[in-house]
């Protein structure tokens, strides 16, 4: 446990030394969000102007107002939705890019790196991490499909069901299974990112993925992942607690932005801690293999 704490604190130290990158990620995410919702925001201002409808929507969802806007300004709504989806693709590509940059930054432990290191890592490993992301989306789609097939294998028609108790029980079991599976999948994803960087001399990522899969179920990576999730959960609980005591909309907005920065920090710290643990284990394994014949 002390080693896990050392990896985690070392990751936070690396993040603090490179705080400018965190600010860059936040500003880029904020800029994309404004550009994505800009057309819809302008449409809302054009339709409702200074009326009280916009103020009411901040506290409750007004279906009739939204339906009326869709009926009269359908083309504008469709354009706004298309813009949002296009920026989702852009953000996905950006997240793939900056993952490579974060991994590269974490390689420079205990040093303040220039932003050139970040851009270099993002560009160098972009296509490898893009392939990994596509593979992960396929895996997630397969898992969700299997869960849905198993849940609906006896049908969902209430006229054909004697009792819904077995459906409720099946749903609870599948939720637990899904949480465990996606938890292990996230561990595999982050280990694979670290190993792909370590085996960057190999053009294909299959061998890196196989190596990552072999280490996914080891206790050290499961414990480190739980450790990271613990602090993410504590941050989320603090966010919810502070939010309940705030009545000002502006304070809630500022608090939500602080939590966004914390989630970006969590992503860096998680990747960096996985990187440090992988390198520590890699450094120990050769010594272990050399000592094995002597013990035999």
Protein backbone atom coordinates (compact mmCIF):
# COMPACT_ATOMS: atom_id res chain seq x y z
CA UNK A 1 0.00 0.00 0.00
CA UNK A 2 2.89 2.38 0.70
CA UNK A 3 4.19 1.84 -2.83
CA UNK A 4 0.78 2.71 -4.28
CA UNK A 5 0.73 5.89 -2.22
CA UNK A 6 4.20 6.75 -3.54
CA UNK A 7 3.07 6.31 -7.16
CA UNK A 8 -0.03 8.40 -6.51
CA UNK A 9 1.80 11.26 -4.78
CA UNK A 10 4.53 11.22 -7.43
CA UNK A 11 1.82 11.64 -10.07
CA UNK A 12 0.38 14.65 -8.24
CA UNK A 13 3.85 16.14 -7.91
CA UNK A 14 4.37 15.77 -11.65
CA UNK A 15 1.01 17.43 -12.27
CA UNK A 16 1.84 20.38 -10.00
CA UNK A 17 5.15 20.86 -11.79
CA UNK A 18 3.28 20.91 -15.11
CA UNK A 19 0.21 22.88 -14.02
CA UNK A 20 0.29 24.89 -17.26
CA UNK A 21 -0.76 21.79 -19.19
CA UNK A 22 -3.77 21.38 -16.90
CA UNK A 23 -4.71 24.99 -17.60
CA UNK A 24 -4.31 24.32 -21.33
CA UNK A 25 -6.60 21.28 -21.18
CA UNK A 26 -9.21 23.23 -19.24
CA UNK A 27 -9.18 26.20 -21.62
CA UNK A 28 -9.37 23.95 -24.67
CA UNK A 29 -12.29 21.96 -23.20
CA UNK A 30 -14.07 25.16 -22.23
CA UNK A 31 -13.51 26.65 -25.68
CA UNK A 32 -14.89 23.56 -27.40
CA UNK A 33 -17.94 23.61 -25.12
CA UNK A 34 -18.68 27.25 -25.94
CA UNK A 35 -18.26 26.66 -29.66
CA UNK A 36 -20.47 23.55 -29.53
CA UNK A 37 -23.39 25.14 -27.69
CA UNK A 38 -22.94 28.58 -29.25
CA UNK A 39 -25.44 28.11 -32.11
CA UNK A 40 -28.08 26.66 -29.77
CA UNK A 41 -27.52 29.46 -27.25
CA UNK A 42 -27.90 32.07 -29.99
CA UNK A 43 -31.07 30.34 -31.19
CA UNK A 44 -32.54 30.42 -27.66
CA UNK A 45 -31.74 34.12 -27.35
CA UNK A 46 -33.29 34.80 -30.75
CA UNK A 47 -36.49 32.85 -30.00
CA UNK A 48 -37.14 33.92 -26.42
CA UNK A 49 -35.13 37.13 -26.17
CA UNK A 50 -35.59 38.76 -22.77
CA UNK A 51 -38.67 36.73 -21.82
CA UNK A 52 -38.92 34.85 -18.55
CA UNK A 53 -38.85 31.47 -20.31
CA UNK A 54 -35.05 31.23 -20.24
CA UNK A 55 -35.01 31.96 -16.53
CA UNK A 56 -37.63 29.29 -15.87
CA UNK A 57 -35.60 26.69 -17.80
CA UNK A 58 -32.71 27.01 -15.36
CA UNK A 59 -34.91 25.61 -12.59
CA UNK A 60 -37.21 23.24 -14.50
CA UNK A 61 -37.59 21.64 -17.91
CA UNK A 62 -40.32 23.32 -20.01
CA UNK A 63 -41.38 20.74 -22.59
CA UNK A 64 -44.00 22.95 -24.23
CA UNK A 65 -41.49 25.77 -24.82
CA UNK A 66 -38.96 23.36 -26.35
CA UNK A 67 -41.64 21.72 -28.52
CA UNK A 68 -42.82 25.11 -29.74
CA UNK A 69 -39.27 26.11 -30.67
CA UNK A 70 -38.76 22.84 -32.57
CA UNK A 71 -42.01 23.31 -34.50
CA UNK A 72 -41.22 26.88 -35.56
CA UNK A 73 -37.42 26.76 -35.83
CA UNK A 74 -36.78 23.12 -36.73
CA UNK A 75 -33.95 23.90 -39.16
CA UNK A 76 -32.12 25.96 -36.58
CA UNK A 77 -32.50 23.26 -33.93
CA UNK A 78 -31.26 20.60 -36.36
CA UNK A 79 -28.23 22.74 -37.25
CA UNK A 80 -27.47 23.28 -33.56
CA UNK A 81 -27.67 19.55 -32.81
CA UNK A 82 -25.44 18.75 -35.81
CA UNK A 83 -22.90 21.28 -34.52
CA UNK A 84 -22.87 19.67 -31.09
CA UNK A 85 -22.30 16.19 -32.55
CA UNK A 86 -19.50 17.46 -34.80
CA UNK A 87 -17.72 18.91 -31.78
CA UNK A 88 -18.16 15.61 -29.94
CA UNK A 89 -16.04 14.02 -32.66
CA UNK A 90 -13.51 16.86 -32.39
CA UNK A 91 -13.32 16.46 -28.61
CA UNK A 92 -12.87 12.70 -29.00
CA UNK A 93 -9.89 13.24 -31.32
CA UNK A 94 -8.51 15.90 -28.97
CA UNK A 95 -8.78 13.55 -25.97
CA UNK A 96 -6.88 10.88 -27.91
CA UNK A 97 -4.21 13.45 -28.76
CA UNK A 98 -3.74 14.89 -25.29
CA UNK A 99 -3.59 11.40 -23.75
CA UNK A 100 -0.33 10.85 -25.61
CA UNK A 101 0.89 14.22 -24.36
CA UNK A 102 0.04 13.38 -20.74
CA UNK A 103 1.80 10.04 -20.94
CA UNK A 104 4.89 11.74 -22.35
CA UNK A 105 4.81 14.39 -19.61
CA UNK A 106 4.64 11.70 -16.93
CA UNK A 107 7.88 10.25 -18.28
CA UNK A 108 9.71 13.36 -17.02
CA UNK A 109 9.29 12.64 -13.34
CA UNK A 110 10.18 15.34 -10.80
CA UNK A 111 10.93 17.87 -13.55
CA UNK A 112 9.06 20.80 -15.06
CA UNK A 113 8.72 19.96 -18.73
CA UNK A 114 8.09 22.38 -21.56
CA UNK A 115 4.86 22.30 -23.53
CA UNK A 116 6.89 20.98 -26.46
CA UNK A 117 7.06 17.62 -24.67
CA UNK A 118 3.27 17.55 -24.47
CA UNK A 119 2.73 18.36 -28.16
CA UNK A 120 5.44 15.90 -29.19
CA UNK A 121 3.88 13.05 -27.22
CA UNK A 122 0.41 13.81 -28.54
CA UNK A 123 1.56 13.82 -32.14
CA UNK A 124 3.84 10.79 -31.85
CA UNK A 125 1.33 8.41 -30.26
CA UNK A 126 -1.89 9.80 -31.71
CA UNK A 127 -2.62 7.05 -34.24
CA UNK A 128 -1.68 4.27 -31.83
CA UNK A 129 -4.02 5.63 -29.16
CA UNK A 130 -6.69 6.26 -31.78
CA UNK A 131 -6.61 2.58 -32.72
CA UNK A 132 -6.77 1.64 -29.06
CA UNK A 133 -9.78 3.93 -28.55
CA UNK A 134 -11.57 2.34 -31.52
CA UNK A 135 -10.87 -1.12 -30.11
CA UNK A 136 -12.21 -0.04 -26.72
CA UNK A 137 -15.41 1.31 -28.28
CA UNK A 138 -15.92 -2.00 -30.08
CA UNK A 139 -15.36 -3.91 -26.83
CA UNK A 140 -17.80 -1.68 -24.92
CA UNK A 141 -20.40 -2.07 -27.69
CA UNK A 142 -20.04 -5.86 -27.56
CA UNK A 143 -20.37 -5.90 -23.76
CA UNK A 144 -23.47 -3.70 -23.81
CA UNK A 145 -25.00 -5.83 -26.56
CA UNK A 146 -24.42 -9.03 -24.59
CA UNK A 147 -25.94 -7.46 -21.48
CA UNK A 148 -28.99 -6.29 -23.43
CA UNK A 149 -29.42 -9.69 -25.11
CA UNK A 150 -29.23 -11.52 -21.79
CA UNK A 151 -31.65 -9.08 -20.14
CA UNK A 152 -34.26 -9.40 -22.91
CA UNK A 153 -33.83 -13.11 -23.72
CA UNK A 154 -37.24 -13.94 -22.19
CA UNK A 155 -38.93 -10.88 -23.66
CA UNK A 156 -40.13 -7.66 -22.04
CA UNK A 157 -43.81 -7.84 -22.88
CA UNK A 158 -45.68 -7.39 -19.55
CA UNK A 159 -48.57 -9.51 -20.85
CA UNK A 160 -46.24 -12.52 -21.14
CA UNK A 161 -44.66 -12.10 -17.72
CA UNK A 162 -46.07 -13.76 -14.62
CA UNK A 163 -43.92 -11.58 -12.37
CA UNK A 164 -41.40 -8.81 -12.84
CA UNK A 165 -39.33 -9.95 -9.83
CA UNK A 166 -36.95 -12.03 -11.93
CA UNK A 167 -36.41 -9.07 -14.27
CA UNK A 168 -35.55 -6.83 -11.32
CA UNK A 169 -33.17 -9.45 -9.95
CA UNK A 170 -31.59 -9.94 -13.37
CA UNK A 171 -31.20 -6.18 -13.79
CA UNK A 172 -29.41 -5.86 -10.42
CA UNK A 173 -27.07 -8.75 -11.27
CA UNK A 174 -26.30 -7.31 -14.70
CA UNK A 175 -25.58 -3.88 -13.23
CA UNK A 176 -23.05 -5.42 -10.83
CA UNK A 177 -21.49 -7.46 -13.64
CA UNK A 178 -21.35 -4.38 -15.90
CA UNK A 179 -19.66 -2.27 -13.20
CA UNK A 180 -17.01 -4.94 -12.59
CA UNK A 181 -16.43 -5.52 -16.30
CA UNK A 182 -16.11 -1.82 -17.12
CA UNK A 183 -13.85 -1.33 -14.11
CA UNK A 184 -11.49 -4.03 -15.38
CA UNK A 185 -11.78 -2.66 -18.91
CA UNK A 186 -10.66 0.78 -17.70
CA UNK A 187 -7.62 -0.81 -16.06
CA UNK A 188 -6.74 -2.59 -19.30
CA UNK A 189 -7.16 0.63 -21.26
CA UNK A 190 -4.78 2.63 -19.08
CA UNK A 191 -2.17 -0.12 -18.82
CA UNK A 192 -2.31 -0.50 -22.60
CA UNK A 193 -1.67 3.23 -23.04
CA UNK A 194 1.42 3.03 -20.85
CA UNK A 195 2.76 -0.10 -22.53
CA UNK A 196 2.10 1.28 -26.02
CA UNK A 197 4.31 4.24 -25.09
CA UNK A 198 6.96 1.90 -23.67
CA UNK A 199 6.88 -0.30 -26.81
CA UNK A 200 6.66 2.60 -29.24
CA UNK A 201 9.38 1.02 -31.38
CA UNK A 202 6.86 -1.65 -32.42
CA UNK A 203 4.51 -0.32 -35.14
CA UNK A 204 1.60 -2.58 -34.16
CA UNK A 205 -0.17 -2.41 -30.80
CA UNK A 206 -1.36 -6.04 -30.64
CA UNK A 207 1.62 -7.20 -28.59
CA UNK A 208 1.17 -4.22 -26.24
CA UNK A 209 -2.51 -5.04 -25.78
CA UNK A 210 -1.74 -8.69 -25.04
CA UNK A 211 0.86 -7.65 -22.48
CA UNK A 212 -1.61 -5.20 -20.93
CA UNK A 213 -4.32 -7.86 -20.74
CA UNK A 214 -1.92 -10.18 -18.90
CA UNK A 215 -1.36 -7.53 -16.21
CA UNK A 216 -4.93 -6.24 -15.94
CA UNK A 217 -6.04 -8.75 -13.32
CA UNK A 218 -3.01 -8.40 -11.04
CA UNK A 219 -3.75 -7.06 -7.59
CA UNK A 220 -1.32 -4.15 -7.86
CA UNK A 221 -3.18 -2.52 -10.75
CA UNK A 222 -6.61 -3.25 -9.29
CA UNK A 223 -5.53 -1.67 -6.00
CA UNK A 224 -4.04 1.37 -7.74
CA UNK A 225 -7.21 1.86 -9.79
CA UNK A 226 -9.37 1.63 -6.66
CA UNK A 227 -7.07 4.12 -4.97
CA UNK A 228 -7.53 6.60 -7.80
CA UNK A 229 -11.30 6.07 -7.83
CA UNK A 230 -11.42 6.65 -4.08
CA UNK A 231 -10.03 10.15 -4.42
CA UNK A 232 -12.23 10.86 -7.43
CA UNK A 233 -15.23 9.80 -5.36
CA UNK A 234 -14.15 11.99 -2.43
CA UNK A 235 -13.84 14.95 -4.76
CA UNK A 236 -17.29 14.26 -6.18
CA UNK A 237 -18.84 13.98 -2.71
CA UNK A 238 -17.23 17.27 -1.70
CA UNK A 239 -18.60 18.87 -4.87
CA UNK A 240 -22.14 17.62 -4.12
CA UNK A 241 -21.89 18.72 -0.47
CA UNK A 242 -20.72 22.23 -1.31
CA UNK A 243 -23.30 22.54 -4.07
CA UNK A 244 -26.18 21.86 -1.69
CA UNK A 245 -25.12 24.83 0.50
CA UNK A 246 -24.80 27.29 -2.38
CA UNK A 247 -27.79 29.35 -3.44
CA UNK A 248 -26.01 31.60 -5.93
CA UNK A 249 -26.03 30.39 -9.55
CA UNK A 250 -22.63 31.96 -10.15
CA UNK A 251 -21.07 30.15 -7.19
CA UNK A 252 -22.47 26.85 -8.44
CA UNK A 253 -21.06 27.59 -11.90
CA UNK A 254 -17.61 28.35 -10.46
CA UNK A 255 -17.76 25.20 -8.33
CA UNK A 256 -18.65 23.08 -11.37
CA UNK A 257 -15.64 24.50 -13.25
CA UNK A 258 -13.36 23.67 -10.31
CA UNK A 259 -14.68 20.11 -10.35
CA UNK A 260 -14.04 19.95 -14.11
CA UNK A 261 -10.42 20.93 -13.48
CA UNK A 262 -10.23 18.27 -10.77
CA UNK A 263 -11.48 15.61 -13.20
CA UNK A 264 -8.86 16.65 -15.75
CA UNK A 265 -6.25 16.44 -12.98
CA UNK A 266 -7.57 12.99 -12.06
CA UNK A 267 -7.05 11.79 -15.61
CA UNK A 268 -3.43 12.89 -15.62
CA UNK A 269 -2.74 11.52 -12.12
CA UNK A 270 -4.31 8.16 -13.00
CA UNK A 271 -2.24 7.75 -16.15
CA UNK A 272 0.95 8.94 -14.44
CA UNK A 273 0.49 6.63 -11.44
CA UNK A 274 -0.10 3.67 -13.76
CA UNK A 275 3.03 4.65 -15.67
CA UNK A 276 5.15 4.85 -12.50
CA UNK A 277 3.88 1.51 -11.23
CA UNK A 278 4.49 -0.18 -14.57
CA UNK A 279 8.06 1.09 -14.67
CA UNK A 280 8.71 0.07 -11.08
CA UNK A 281 7.43 -3.46 -11.78
CA UNK A 282 9.40 -3.61 -15.02
CA UNK A 283 12.58 -2.66 -13.17
CA UNK A 284 12.05 -5.37 -10.55
CA UNK A 285 11.16 -8.21 -12.94
CA UNK A 286 14.64 -8.60 -14.51
CA UNK A 287 16.16 -8.87 -11.03
CA UNK A 288 13.52 -11.42 -10.11
CA UNK A 289 14.25 -13.48 -13.24
CA UNK A 290 17.99 -13.37 -12.58
CA UNK A 291 17.55 -14.63 -9.04
CA UNK A 292 15.21 -17.48 -10.01
CA UNK A 293 17.93 -19.96 -11.14
CA UNK A 294 19.81 -19.41 -7.88
CA UNK A 295 16.75 -20.25 -5.85
CA UNK A 296 16.19 -23.34 -7.97
